[in-house]
C-alpha atoms as a PDB file:
ATOM      1  CA  MET A   1      18.308 -25.714 -22.727  1.00  0.00           C
ATOM      2  CA  THR A   2      15.761 -23.569 -22.182  1.00  0.00           C
ATOM      3  CA  LYS A   3      15.756 -20.761 -20.982  1.00  0.00           C
ATOM      4  CA  THR A   4      13.969 -20.659 -17.251  1.00  0.00           C
ATOM      5  CA  ILE A   5      12.800 -17.150 -15.150  1.00  0.00           C
ATOM      6  CA  ILE A   6      11.662 -16.327 -12.078  1.00  0.00           C
ATOM      7  CA  CYS A   7       8.213 -14.865 -11.575  1.00  0.00           C
ATOM      8  CA  LYS A   8       7.787 -11.323 -10.074  1.00  0.00           C
ATOM      9  CA  ASN A   9       4.592 -11.639  -8.958  1.00  0.00           C
ATOM     10  CA  CYS A  10       4.468 -15.637  -7.318  1.00  0.00           C
ATOM     11  CA  GLY A  11       8.401 -16.127  -7.530  1.00  0.00           C
ATOM     12  CA  LYS A  12       8.391 -19.785  -8.699  1.00  0.00           C
ATOM     13  CA  LYS A  13      10.350 -20.468 -11.266  1.00  0.00           C
ATOM     14  CA  VAL A  14       9.399 -21.408 -14.468  1.00  0.00           C
ATOM     15  CA  PRO A  15      10.389 -22.045 -18.323  1.00  0.00           C
ATOM     16  CA  ALA A  16      10.462 -19.041 -20.137  1.00  0.00           C
ATOM     17  CA  ASN A  17       7.940 -18.580 -23.123  1.00  0.00           C
ATOM     18  CA  VAL A  18      10.139 -18.935 -26.235  1.00  0.00           C
ATOM     19  CA  ARG A  19       7.714 -17.374 -28.778  1.00  0.00           C
ATOM     20  CA  LEU A  20       8.097 -13.872 -26.468  1.00  0.00           C
ATOM     21  CA  LYS A  21      10.730 -11.032 -27.785  1.00  0.00           C
ATOM     22  CA  GLY A  22      12.346  -9.753 -24.861  1.00  0.00           C
ATOM     23  CA  PHE A  23      12.829  -9.468 -21.061  1.00  0.00           C
ATOM     24  CA  GLN A  24       9.918 -11.866 -19.685  1.00  0.00           C
ATOM     25  CA  GLN A  25       9.383 -11.583 -16.151  1.00  0.00           C
ATOM     26  CA  TYR A  26       6.316 -13.077 -15.487  1.00  0.00           C
ATOM     27  CA  CYS A  27       4.923 -16.318 -16.316  1.00  0.00           C
ATOM     28  CA  GLY A  28       1.667 -17.680 -17.613  1.00  0.00           C
ATOM     29  CA  ASP A  29      -0.642 -17.988 -14.748  1.00  0.00           C
ATOM     30  CA  PRO A  30      -3.532 -16.032 -15.003  1.00  0.00           C
ATOM     31  CA  ALA A  31      -2.715 -14.264 -11.361  1.00  0.00           C
ATOM     32  CA  CYS A  32       0.450 -13.331 -12.830  1.00  0.00           C
ATOM     33  CA  GLN A  33      -1.019 -11.926 -16.154  1.00  0.00           C
ATOM     34  CA  ARG A  34      -3.709  -9.800 -14.107  1.00  0.00           C
ATOM     35  CA  ALA A  35      -0.369  -8.535 -11.606  1.00  0.00           C
ATOM     36  CA  ARG A  36       1.695  -7.922 -14.899  1.00  0.00           C
ATOM     37  CA  LYS A  37      -1.045  -5.829 -16.390  1.00  0.00           C
ATOM     38  CA  ALA A  38      -1.896  -3.438 -13.652  1.00  0.00           C
ATOM     39  CA  THR A  39       1.887  -3.268 -12.880  1.00  0.00           C
ATOM     40  CA  TRP A  40       1.410  -1.958 -16.662  1.00  0.00           C
ATOM     41  CA  GLN A  41      -1.166   0.318 -16.208  1.00  0.00           C
ATOM     42  CA  ARG A  42       0.080   2.163 -13.167  1.00  0.00           C
ATOM     43  CA  THR A  43       2.776   2.785 -14.787  1.00  0.00           C
ATOM     44  CA  LYS A  44       1.626   4.318 -18.361  1.00  0.00           C
ATOM     45  CA  LYS A  45      -1.077   5.951 -16.204  1.00  0.00           C
ATOM     46  CA  ALA A  46       1.733   7.547 -14.160  1.00  0.00           C
ATOM     47  CA  ASN A  47       3.964   8.198 -16.840  1.00  0.00           C
ATOM     48  CA  ASP A  48       1.426   9.401 -19.934  1.00  0.00           C
ATOM     49  CA  ALA A  49      -0.947  12.051 -19.235  1.00  0.00           C
ATOM     50  CA  ASP A  50      -2.862  11.401 -22.321  1.00  0.00           C
ATOM     51  CA  TYR A  51      -3.476   7.453 -21.397  1.00  0.00           C
ATOM     52  CA  CYS A  52      -4.453   8.510 -18.237  1.00  0.00           C
ATOM     53  CA  ALA A  53      -7.400  11.102 -19.587  1.00  0.00           C
ATOM     54  CA  ARG A  54      -8.824   8.585 -21.575  1.00  0.00           C
ATOM     55  CA  GLN A  55      -8.835   6.019 -18.848  1.00  0.00           C
ATOM     56  CA  LYS A  56     -10.644   9.033 -16.405  1.00  0.00           C
ATOM     57  CA  GLN A  57     -12.929   9.663 -19.400  1.00  0.00           C
ATOM     58  CA  CYS A  58     -13.789   5.926 -20.527  1.00  0.00           C
ATOM     59  CA  ALA A  59     -14.528   5.430 -16.663  1.00  0.00           C
ATOM     60  CA  GLU A  60     -16.857   8.607 -16.480  1.00  0.00           C
ATOM     61  CA  ASN A  61     -18.699   7.205 -19.481  1.00  0.00           C
ATOM     62  CA  TRP A  62     -19.400   3.928 -18.141  1.00  0.00           C
ATOM     63  CA  LYS A  63     -20.640   5.516 -14.772  1.00  0.00           C
ATOM     64  CA  GLU A  64     -22.729   7.970 -17.042  1.00  0.00           C
ATOM     65  CA  ASN A  65     -24.478   4.717 -18.974  1.00  0.00           C
ATOM     66  CA  LYS A  66     -24.478   2.250 -15.893  1.00  0.00           C
ATOM     67  CA  PRO A  67     -25.304   3.970 -12.447  1.00  0.00           C
ATOM     68  CA  ALA A  68     -24.798   2.382  -9.361  1.00  0.00           C
ATOM     69  CA  HIS A  69     -28.390   2.388  -8.654  1.00  0.00           C
ATOM     70  CA  LYS A  70     -29.224   0.409 -11.208  1.00  0.00           C
ATOM     71  CA  TYR A  71     -26.419  -1.726 -11.548  1.00  0.00           C
ATOM     72  CA  GLN A  72     -28.226  -3.340  -7.908  1.00  0.00           C
ATOM     73  CA  ASP A  73     -31.090  -3.110  -8.849  1.00  0.00           C
ATOM     74  CA  GLN A  74     -30.419  -5.422 -12.050  1.00  0.00           C
ATOM     75  CA  TYR A  75     -28.154  -7.260 -10.282  1.00  0.00           C
ATOM     76  CA  ARG A  76     -31.330  -8.060  -7.196  1.00  0.00           C
ATOM     77  CA  GLN A  77     -33.615  -8.925 -10.196  1.00  0.00           C
ATOM     78  CA  ASP A  78     -31.091 -11.327 -11.360  1.00  0.00           C
ATOM     79  CA  HIS A  79     -30.323 -13.189  -8.333  1.00  0.00           C
ATOM     80  CA  PRO A  80     -33.174 -13.731  -6.069  1.00  0.00           C
ATOM     81  CA  ASP A  81     -31.708 -16.381  -4.001  1.00  0.00           C
ATOM     82  CA  TYR A  82     -29.015 -13.964  -2.968  1.00  0.00           C
ATOM     83  CA  VAL A  83     -31.466 -11.073  -2.220  1.00  0.00           C
ATOM     84  CA  ALA A  84     -33.288 -14.055   0.124  1.00  0.00           C
ATOM     85  CA  ASN A  85     -30.479 -14.648   1.860  1.00  0.00           C
ATOM     86  CA  ASN A  86     -29.542 -11.335   2.839  1.00  0.00           C
ATOM     87  CA  ARG A  87     -32.640 -10.462   3.513  1.00  0.00           C
ATOM     88  CA  GLU A  88     -32.920 -13.362   6.213  1.00  0.00           C
ATOM     89  CA  LYS A  89     -29.156 -12.790   7.227  1.00  0.00           C
ATOM     90  CA  GLN A  90     -30.589  -9.173   8.019  1.00  0.00           C
ATOM     91  CA  LYS A  91     -32.863  -9.842   9.948  1.00  0.00           C
ATOM     92  CA  ILE A  92     -30.507 -12.138  12.174  1.00  0.00           C
ATOM     93  CA  ARG A  93     -28.237  -9.034  12.500  1.00  0.00           C
ATOM     94  CA  ASN A  94     -31.133  -7.172  13.205  1.00  0.00           C
ATOM     95  CA  GLN A  95     -32.412  -9.257  16.213  1.00  0.00           C
ATOM     96  CA  LYS A  96     -29.037  -9.164  17.883  1.00  0.00           C
ATOM     97  CA  ARG A  97     -28.716  -5.609  17.561  1.00  0.00           C
ATOM     98  CA  ARG A  98     -32.113  -5.527  19.755  1.00  0.00           C
ATOM     99  CA  ASP A  99     -31.443  -8.217  21.840  1.00  0.00           C
ATOM    100  CA  GLN A 100     -27.947  -6.426  23.135  1.00  0.00           C
ATOM    101  CA  THR A 101     -28.715  -4.453  26.557  1.00  0.00           C
ATOM    102  CA  SER A 102     -25.625  -1.561  25.794  1.00  0.00           C
ATOM    103  CA  GLN A 103     -27.081   1.036  23.007  1.00  0.00           C
ATOM    104  CA  GLN A 104     -24.876  -0.601  19.888  1.00  0.00           C
ATOM    105  CA  LYS A 105     -24.922   1.572  16.892  1.00  0.00           C
ATOM    106  CA  ILE A 106     -24.107   0.502  13.450  1.00  0.00           C
ATOM    107  CA  VAL A 107     -21.929   3.469  12.671  1.00  0.00           C
ATOM    108  CA  LYS A 108     -20.330   5.132  15.127  1.00  0.00           C
ATOM    109  CA  MET A 109     -21.792   8.474  15.506  1.00  0.00           C
ATOM    110  CA  ASP A 110     -19.115  10.502  17.895  1.00  0.00           C
ATOM    111  CA  ALA A 111     -16.429   8.736  19.334  1.00  0.00           C
ATOM    112  CA  LEU A 112     -15.124  11.337  21.228  1.00  0.00           C
ATOM    113  CA  ALA A 113     -18.721  12.107  22.847  1.00  0.00           C
ATOM    114  CA  ASN A 114     -18.111   8.450  24.570  1.00  0.00           C
ATOM    115  CA  GLN A 115     -15.324   9.234  26.444  1.00  0.00           C
ATOM    116  CA  LEU A 116     -16.224  12.533  27.663  1.00  0.00           C
ATOM    117  CA  GLU A 117     -18.404  12.815  30.461  1.00  0.00           C
ATOM    118  CA  ASN A 118     -21.313  16.153  30.525  1.00  0.00           C
ATOM    119  CA  THR A 119     -19.330  17.769  33.763  1.00  0.00           C
ATOM    120  CA  MET A 120     -16.097  18.104  31.883  1.00  0.00           C
ATOM    121  CA  ASN A 121     -15.078  21.897  31.548  1.00  0.00           C
ATOM    122  CA  PHE A 122     -12.848  22.868  28.488  1.00  0.00           C
ATOM    123  CA  THR A 123     -11.049  25.283  28.040  1.00  0.00           C
ATOM    124  CA  MET A 124     -10.087  26.995  24.207  1.00  0.00           C
ATOM    125  CA  THR A 125      -6.422  28.585  23.778  1.00  0.00           C
ATOM    126  CA  PRO A 126      -4.783  29.513  20.507  1.00  0.00           C
ATOM    127  CA  PHE A 127      -2.058  26.716  19.349  1.00  0.00           C
ATOM    128  CA  LYS A 128       1.336  27.630  18.685  1.00  0.00           C
ATOM    129  CA  MET A 129       3.496  26.314  16.344  1.00  0.00           C
ATOM    130  CA  ASP A 130       6.735  26.476  14.629  1.00  0.00           C
ATOM    131  CA  ALA A 131       6.578  28.711  11.537  1.00  0.00           C
ATOM    132  CA  SER A 132       9.865  27.209   9.877  1.00  0.00           C
ATOM    133  CA  LYS A 133       7.467  24.094   9.077  1.00  0.00           C
ATOM    134  CA  LYS A 134       5.225  25.141   7.550  1.00  0.00           C
ATOM    135  CA  ILE A 135       3.250  22.320   6.107  1.00  0.00           C
ATOM    136  CA  VAL A 136      -0.562  23.855   6.255  1.00  0.00           C
ATOM    137  CA  LYS A 137      -2.313  26.974   5.224  1.00  0.00           C
ATOM    138  CA  MET A 138      -0.996  29.788   7.360  1.00  0.00           C
ATOM    139  CA  ASP A 139      -5.083  31.274   7.608  1.00  0.00           C
ATOM    140  CA  THR A 140      -6.219  28.052   9.167  1.00  0.00           C
ATOM    141  CA  LEU A 141      -7.168  27.958  12.530  1.00  0.00           C
ATOM    142  CA  PHE A 142      -5.372  25.985  14.982  1.00  0.00           C
ATOM    143  CA  VAL A 143      -7.378  24.834  18.041  1.00  0.00           C
ATOM    144  CA  GLN A 144      -6.058  23.280  21.942  1.00  0.00           C
ATOM    145  CA  LEU A 145      -8.498  21.463  24.304  1.00  0.00           C
ATOM    146  CA  GLN A 146      -7.995  21.183  27.384  1.00  0.00           C
ATOM    147  CA  ALA A 147     -10.399  19.333  29.302  1.00  0.00           C
ATOM    148  CA  PHE A 148     -10.407  19.132  33.214  1.00  0.00           C
ATOM    149  CA  HIS A 149     -12.034  16.778  35.448  1.00  0.00           C
ATOM    150  CA  GLY A 150     -11.358  16.436  38.988  1.00  0.00           C
ATOM    151  CA  ASP A 151      -7.720  16.469  39.162  1.00  0.00           C
ATOM    152  CA  LYS A 152      -7.221  15.262  35.765  1.00  0.00           C
ATOM    153  CA  GLN A 153      -6.250  16.907  33.303  1.00  0.00           C
ATOM    154  CA  THR A 154      -6.536  15.526  29.015  1.00  0.00           C
ATOM    155  CA  PHE A 155      -4.976  17.406  26.280  1.00  0.00           C
ATOM    156  CA  PHE A 156      -7.285  17.388  22.951  1.00  0.00           C
ATOM    157  CA  SER A 157      -5.793  18.371  20.149  1.00  0.00           C
ATOM    158  CA  SER A 158      -8.458  19.310  17.384  1.00  0.00           C
ATOM    159  CA  PHE A 159      -6.979  20.890  13.928  1.00  0.00           C
ATOM    160  CA  THR A 160      -9.246  22.512  11.354  1.00  0.00           C
END
């Protein structure tokens, strides 16, 4: 009778590999093997400082030998269809953005400025903090902003 295991990654019940010595926890599926290796590497990096340092050095060497801008340039040269397709899609995205009546930006530059009106007044007061819960540096500046607009009062807290 063959021994069966339940794979830790996919959860399937599969026959155990008789050639493997010890306790098998993953099936032979490539996705499960990638998960097994990733788990092993995380554990190894957490427990072995020398291994972690070697992995960091290897990554730094790879970055030095293959800078991102050169990699992207090479990819674009090797895949001209991708470049043409991306340019067409970008033209459509740019046209949609121009056609919109609201002035939406690709990147939100200042979320708070969009919510506040120009007529609001602010007061800056020291923010009191319980000294028994020292989580942050004590020489930092804590500021609490209170916005007054008409009869409404809104609180904004800023910690720097």
